[in-house]
N, C-alpha and C. Protein backbone atom coordinates (compact mmCIF):
# COMPACT_ATOMS: atom_id res chain seq x y z
N UNK A 1 24.63 -142.44 78.64
CA UNK A 1 23.41 -142.67 79.37
C UNK A 1 23.50 -142.23 80.82
N UNK A 2 24.65 -142.03 81.35
CA UNK A 2 24.77 -141.62 82.75
C UNK A 2 24.06 -140.30 83.01
N UNK A 3 24.04 -139.42 82.03
CA UNK A 3 23.39 -138.12 82.21
C UNK A 3 21.92 -138.30 82.58
N UNK A 4 21.24 -139.22 81.93
CA UNK A 4 19.83 -139.43 82.22
C UNK A 4 19.62 -140.07 83.58
N UNK A 5 20.50 -140.95 83.97
CA UNK A 5 20.37 -141.61 85.27
C UNK A 5 20.49 -140.57 86.38
N UNK A 6 21.43 -139.64 86.24
CA UNK A 6 21.62 -138.62 87.26
C UNK A 6 20.44 -137.65 87.26
N UNK A 7 20.01 -137.23 86.09
CA UNK A 7 18.93 -136.24 85.99
C UNK A 7 17.58 -136.83 86.35
N UNK A 8 17.38 -138.09 86.10
CA UNK A 8 16.09 -138.75 86.36
C UNK A 8 16.36 -140.14 86.93
N UNK A 9 16.51 -140.25 88.25
CA UNK A 9 16.92 -141.53 88.84
C UNK A 9 15.97 -142.69 88.59
N UNK A 10 14.72 -142.43 88.28
CA UNK A 10 13.76 -143.51 88.06
C UNK A 10 13.70 -143.96 86.61
N UNK A 11 14.69 -143.60 85.80
CA UNK A 11 14.65 -143.94 84.38
C UNK A 11 15.11 -145.36 84.14
N UNK A 12 14.69 -145.90 83.02
CA UNK A 12 15.12 -147.21 82.54
C UNK A 12 15.46 -147.05 81.06
N UNK A 13 16.59 -147.60 80.66
CA UNK A 13 17.02 -147.46 79.28
C UNK A 13 17.15 -148.81 78.62
N UNK A 14 16.59 -148.95 77.43
CA UNK A 14 16.70 -150.15 76.61
C UNK A 14 17.61 -149.81 75.45
N UNK A 15 18.63 -150.64 75.22
CA UNK A 15 19.58 -150.41 74.15
C UNK A 15 19.47 -151.51 73.10
N UNK A 16 19.65 -151.13 71.84
CA UNK A 16 19.71 -152.11 70.75
C UNK A 16 21.12 -152.07 70.18
N UNK A 17 21.74 -153.24 70.10
CA UNK A 17 23.10 -153.36 69.57
C UNK A 17 23.08 -154.13 68.26
N UNK A 18 23.99 -153.76 67.37
CA UNK A 18 24.18 -154.53 66.14
C UNK A 18 24.99 -155.78 66.49
N UNK A 19 25.09 -156.69 65.54
CA UNK A 19 25.88 -157.90 65.79
C UNK A 19 27.35 -157.56 66.01
N UNK A 20 27.78 -156.40 65.53
CA UNK A 20 29.15 -155.94 65.74
C UNK A 20 29.35 -155.18 67.04
N UNK A 21 28.29 -155.04 67.84
CA UNK A 21 28.40 -154.37 69.13
C UNK A 21 28.17 -152.87 69.10
N UNK A 22 27.78 -152.34 67.95
CA UNK A 22 27.50 -150.91 67.83
C UNK A 22 26.11 -150.60 68.38
N UNK A 23 25.98 -149.50 69.11
CA UNK A 23 24.66 -149.08 69.60
C UNK A 23 23.85 -148.57 68.41
N UNK A 24 22.71 -149.22 68.18
CA UNK A 24 21.83 -148.84 67.08
C UNK A 24 20.81 -147.79 67.52
N UNK A 25 20.40 -147.88 68.78
CA UNK A 25 19.41 -146.94 69.29
C UNK A 25 19.07 -147.26 70.73
N UNK A 26 18.20 -146.42 71.31
CA UNK A 26 17.80 -146.63 72.69
C UNK A 26 16.39 -146.12 72.92
N UNK A 27 15.76 -146.63 73.93
CA UNK A 27 14.49 -146.12 74.44
C UNK A 27 14.67 -145.85 75.92
N UNK A 28 14.40 -144.64 76.32
CA UNK A 28 14.47 -144.22 77.71
C UNK A 28 13.04 -144.15 78.25
N UNK A 29 12.78 -144.81 79.35
CA UNK A 29 11.45 -144.79 79.97
C UNK A 29 11.56 -144.07 81.30
N UNK A 30 10.72 -143.05 81.47
CA UNK A 30 10.67 -142.27 82.70
C UNK A 30 9.30 -142.38 83.33
N UNK A 31 9.26 -142.38 84.63
CA UNK A 31 7.97 -142.33 85.33
C UNK A 31 7.71 -140.86 85.64
N UNK A 32 6.57 -140.37 85.17
CA UNK A 32 6.19 -138.97 85.38
C UNK A 32 4.73 -138.93 85.79
N UNK A 33 4.47 -138.45 86.99
CA UNK A 33 3.11 -138.35 87.52
C UNK A 33 2.35 -139.67 87.42
N UNK A 34 3.04 -140.76 87.74
CA UNK A 34 2.42 -142.07 87.78
C UNK A 34 2.30 -142.77 86.44
N UNK A 35 2.78 -142.16 85.37
CA UNK A 35 2.74 -142.76 84.04
C UNK A 35 4.15 -143.07 83.57
N UNK A 36 4.27 -144.08 82.73
CA UNK A 36 5.56 -144.39 82.11
C UNK A 36 5.57 -143.77 80.72
N UNK A 37 6.56 -142.91 80.48
CA UNK A 37 6.68 -142.21 79.21
C UNK A 37 7.99 -142.62 78.56
N UNK A 38 7.96 -142.78 77.26
CA UNK A 38 9.14 -143.27 76.55
C UNK A 38 9.65 -142.25 75.55
N UNK A 39 10.96 -142.21 75.41
CA UNK A 39 11.63 -141.40 74.41
C UNK A 39 12.60 -142.31 73.69
N UNK A 40 12.56 -142.31 72.37
CA UNK A 40 13.36 -143.25 71.59
C UNK A 40 14.23 -142.50 70.59
N UNK A 41 15.44 -142.99 70.43
CA UNK A 41 16.34 -142.48 69.41
C UNK A 41 16.97 -143.66 68.69
N UNK A 42 17.03 -143.59 67.36
CA UNK A 42 17.72 -144.60 66.56
C UNK A 42 18.71 -143.86 65.66
N UNK A 43 19.94 -144.34 65.65
CA UNK A 43 20.98 -143.77 64.79
C UNK A 43 20.45 -143.76 63.35
N UNK A 44 20.61 -142.64 62.63
CA UNK A 44 20.06 -142.55 61.27
C UNK A 44 20.43 -143.71 60.35
N UNK A 45 21.63 -144.27 60.48
CA UNK A 45 21.99 -145.36 59.57
C UNK A 45 21.25 -146.65 59.88
N UNK A 46 20.59 -146.75 61.04
CA UNK A 46 19.84 -147.95 61.41
C UNK A 46 18.33 -147.74 61.33
N UNK A 47 17.88 -146.56 60.90
CA UNK A 47 16.45 -146.28 60.84
C UNK A 47 15.77 -147.07 59.72
N UNK A 48 14.48 -147.24 59.89
CA UNK A 48 13.62 -147.95 58.93
C UNK A 48 13.98 -149.43 58.82
N UNK A 49 14.51 -149.98 59.92
CA UNK A 49 14.85 -151.41 59.97
C UNK A 49 14.18 -152.10 61.15
N UNK A 50 13.22 -151.42 61.78
CA UNK A 50 12.48 -152.02 62.88
C UNK A 50 13.11 -151.87 64.25
N UNK A 51 14.17 -151.09 64.36
CA UNK A 51 14.86 -150.94 65.64
C UNK A 51 13.95 -150.24 66.65
N UNK A 52 13.38 -149.10 66.28
CA UNK A 52 12.50 -148.36 67.20
C UNK A 52 11.30 -149.22 67.60
N UNK A 53 10.75 -149.93 66.66
CA UNK A 53 9.59 -150.79 66.95
C UNK A 53 9.95 -151.83 68.01
N UNK A 54 11.08 -152.50 67.83
CA UNK A 54 11.49 -153.52 68.81
C UNK A 54 11.78 -152.92 70.17
N UNK A 55 12.44 -151.78 70.20
CA UNK A 55 12.75 -151.13 71.47
C UNK A 55 11.48 -150.72 72.21
N UNK A 56 10.58 -150.06 71.50
CA UNK A 56 9.37 -149.56 72.15
C UNK A 56 8.47 -150.71 72.60
N UNK A 57 8.29 -151.72 71.77
CA UNK A 57 7.45 -152.85 72.17
C UNK A 57 8.06 -153.62 73.34
N UNK A 58 9.39 -153.72 73.39
CA UNK A 58 10.04 -154.36 74.54
C UNK A 58 9.79 -153.57 75.81
N UNK A 59 9.92 -152.26 75.73
CA UNK A 59 9.66 -151.41 76.89
C UNK A 59 8.20 -151.49 77.33
N UNK A 60 7.29 -151.51 76.37
CA UNK A 60 5.86 -151.60 76.70
C UNK A 60 5.55 -152.91 77.40
N UNK A 61 6.15 -154.00 76.95
CA UNK A 61 5.94 -155.29 77.62
C UNK A 61 6.46 -155.24 79.06
N UNK A 62 7.58 -154.58 79.26
CA UNK A 62 8.20 -154.51 80.58
C UNK A 62 7.40 -153.65 81.55
N UNK A 63 6.89 -152.51 81.08
CA UNK A 63 6.22 -151.56 81.96
C UNK A 63 4.70 -151.65 81.92
N UNK A 64 4.15 -152.42 81.00
CA UNK A 64 2.70 -152.61 80.96
C UNK A 64 1.97 -151.59 80.12
N UNK A 65 2.34 -150.33 80.22
CA UNK A 65 1.70 -149.29 79.42
C UNK A 65 2.67 -148.12 79.30
N UNK A 66 2.85 -147.63 78.08
CA UNK A 66 3.71 -146.49 77.81
C UNK A 66 2.93 -145.38 77.14
N UNK A 67 3.32 -144.16 77.43
CA UNK A 67 2.83 -143.02 76.68
C UNK A 67 3.95 -142.59 75.75
N UNK A 68 3.64 -142.49 74.47
CA UNK A 68 4.59 -142.02 73.46
C UNK A 68 4.12 -140.64 72.99
N UNK A 69 4.98 -139.66 73.10
CA UNK A 69 4.64 -138.30 72.65
C UNK A 69 5.29 -138.04 71.31
N UNK A 70 4.47 -137.72 70.33
CA UNK A 70 5.03 -137.39 69.01
C UNK A 70 5.22 -135.88 68.92
N UNK A 71 6.19 -135.47 68.11
CA UNK A 71 6.43 -134.05 67.89
C UNK A 71 6.62 -133.72 66.42
N UNK A 72 6.59 -134.75 65.55
CA UNK A 72 6.65 -134.49 64.11
C UNK A 72 5.88 -135.58 63.37
N UNK A 73 5.71 -135.40 62.08
CA UNK A 73 4.91 -136.34 61.28
C UNK A 73 5.51 -137.74 61.25
N UNK A 74 6.84 -137.81 61.22
CA UNK A 74 7.49 -139.11 61.13
C UNK A 74 7.23 -139.96 62.37
N UNK A 75 7.49 -139.40 63.56
CA UNK A 75 7.26 -140.23 64.73
C UNK A 75 5.78 -140.37 65.06
N UNK A 76 4.95 -139.43 64.63
CA UNK A 76 3.51 -139.59 64.82
C UNK A 76 3.01 -140.83 64.09
N UNK A 77 3.42 -141.01 62.85
CA UNK A 77 2.99 -142.18 62.08
C UNK A 77 3.46 -143.48 62.73
N UNK A 78 4.72 -143.51 63.15
CA UNK A 78 5.25 -144.72 63.80
C UNK A 78 4.50 -145.01 65.10
N UNK A 79 4.31 -144.01 65.93
CA UNK A 79 3.69 -144.24 67.23
C UNK A 79 2.23 -144.70 67.09
N UNK A 80 1.49 -144.14 66.14
CA UNK A 80 0.11 -144.61 65.94
C UNK A 80 0.10 -146.04 65.38
N UNK A 81 1.06 -146.36 64.53
CA UNK A 81 1.16 -147.74 64.03
C UNK A 81 1.42 -148.70 65.19
N UNK A 82 2.30 -148.32 66.11
CA UNK A 82 2.60 -149.16 67.26
C UNK A 82 1.39 -149.27 68.19
N UNK A 83 0.66 -148.18 68.36
CA UNK A 83 -0.55 -148.23 69.19
C UNK A 83 -1.57 -149.19 68.58
N UNK A 84 -1.68 -149.19 67.28
CA UNK A 84 -2.61 -150.11 66.61
C UNK A 84 -2.19 -151.56 66.81
N UNK A 85 -0.89 -151.80 66.89
CA UNK A 85 -0.39 -153.16 67.12
C UNK A 85 -0.53 -153.60 68.57
N UNK A 86 -0.44 -152.64 69.49
CA UNK A 86 -0.48 -152.97 70.93
C UNK A 86 -1.33 -151.93 71.67
N UNK A 87 -2.64 -151.91 71.43
CA UNK A 87 -3.49 -150.85 72.00
C UNK A 87 -3.56 -150.83 73.52
N UNK A 88 -3.37 -151.96 74.16
CA UNK A 88 -3.41 -151.98 75.62
C UNK A 88 -2.12 -151.47 76.25
N UNK A 89 -1.04 -151.55 75.50
CA UNK A 89 0.27 -151.19 76.05
C UNK A 89 0.74 -149.79 75.66
N UNK A 90 0.17 -149.20 74.60
CA UNK A 90 0.70 -147.94 74.09
C UNK A 90 -0.40 -146.90 73.95
N UNK A 91 -0.10 -145.73 74.48
CA UNK A 91 -0.95 -144.56 74.34
C UNK A 91 -0.14 -143.51 73.59
N UNK A 92 -0.77 -142.77 72.70
CA UNK A 92 -0.07 -141.76 71.90
C UNK A 92 -0.68 -140.40 72.19
N UNK A 93 0.19 -139.40 72.34
CA UNK A 93 -0.26 -138.03 72.58
C UNK A 93 0.70 -137.07 71.89
N UNK A 94 0.22 -135.87 71.67
CA UNK A 94 1.04 -134.82 71.04
C UNK A 94 1.86 -134.10 72.11
N UNK A 95 3.18 -134.06 71.92
CA UNK A 95 4.07 -133.40 72.87
C UNK A 95 3.70 -131.94 73.07
N UNK A 96 3.34 -131.26 72.00
CA UNK A 96 3.08 -129.82 72.07
C UNK A 96 1.85 -129.53 72.93
N UNK A 97 0.96 -130.49 73.11
CA UNK A 97 -0.22 -130.30 73.95
C UNK A 97 0.06 -130.49 75.43
N UNK A 98 1.14 -131.16 75.79
CA UNK A 98 1.43 -131.45 77.20
C UNK A 98 2.76 -130.88 77.67
N UNK A 99 3.44 -130.20 76.81
CA UNK A 99 4.77 -129.69 77.12
C UNK A 99 4.78 -128.88 78.42
N UNK A 100 3.76 -128.07 78.64
CA UNK A 100 3.71 -127.23 79.84
C UNK A 100 3.71 -128.06 81.13
N UNK A 101 3.13 -129.24 81.11
CA UNK A 101 3.09 -130.10 82.29
C UNK A 101 4.47 -130.65 82.65
N UNK A 102 5.37 -130.65 81.70
CA UNK A 102 6.70 -131.21 81.89
C UNK A 102 7.76 -130.13 82.15
N UNK A 103 7.34 -128.88 82.29
CA UNK A 103 8.29 -127.78 82.39
C UNK A 103 9.27 -127.93 83.55
N UNK A 104 8.81 -128.36 84.73
CA UNK A 104 9.70 -128.53 85.87
C UNK A 104 10.79 -129.56 85.56
N UNK A 105 10.40 -130.68 84.99
CA UNK A 105 11.36 -131.72 84.64
C UNK A 105 12.34 -131.21 83.59
N UNK A 106 11.83 -130.49 82.60
CA UNK A 106 12.70 -129.95 81.55
C UNK A 106 13.71 -128.96 82.13
N UNK A 107 13.30 -128.13 83.08
CA UNK A 107 14.24 -127.20 83.71
C UNK A 107 15.34 -127.95 84.45
N UNK A 108 14.97 -129.05 85.12
CA UNK A 108 15.95 -129.86 85.83
C UNK A 108 16.99 -130.42 84.86
N UNK A 109 16.53 -130.97 83.75
CA UNK A 109 17.45 -131.55 82.77
C UNK A 109 18.33 -130.46 82.15
N UNK A 110 17.74 -129.33 81.80
CA UNK A 110 18.53 -128.25 81.20
C UNK A 110 19.57 -127.72 82.18
N UNK A 111 19.18 -127.56 83.44
CA UNK A 111 20.11 -127.05 84.45
C UNK A 111 21.27 -128.03 84.64
N UNK A 112 20.99 -129.30 84.59
CA UNK A 112 22.04 -130.29 84.79
C UNK A 112 23.04 -130.30 83.65
N UNK A 113 22.56 -130.07 82.42
CA UNK A 113 23.44 -130.11 81.24
C UNK A 113 24.26 -128.84 81.05
N UNK A 114 23.94 -127.78 81.74
CA UNK A 114 24.66 -126.51 81.55
C UNK A 114 25.97 -126.52 82.30
């Protein structure tokens, strides 16, 4: 997680741990142009067990409103389901429609990782 902190100092990361202390997944929240945007990853062996749902809803409660960008059918379905559960806290948008607005940030992250 240190990579994200250095690349985006205003980030906040939520981690989910198993009872054995293993990281199950995370949600990274970034502030971009006055909005809070979330990116979530769940280890494949922990998927479909509500981990992403708990992480995203926890982040939404903390920040008040999150934008979730989907890029495939699987996360599109999950994000719209979450928006239906928490319409005041979650907004859903297609990543491919806004990718150009994030180009400067993406260049910064890519440059840092090289």
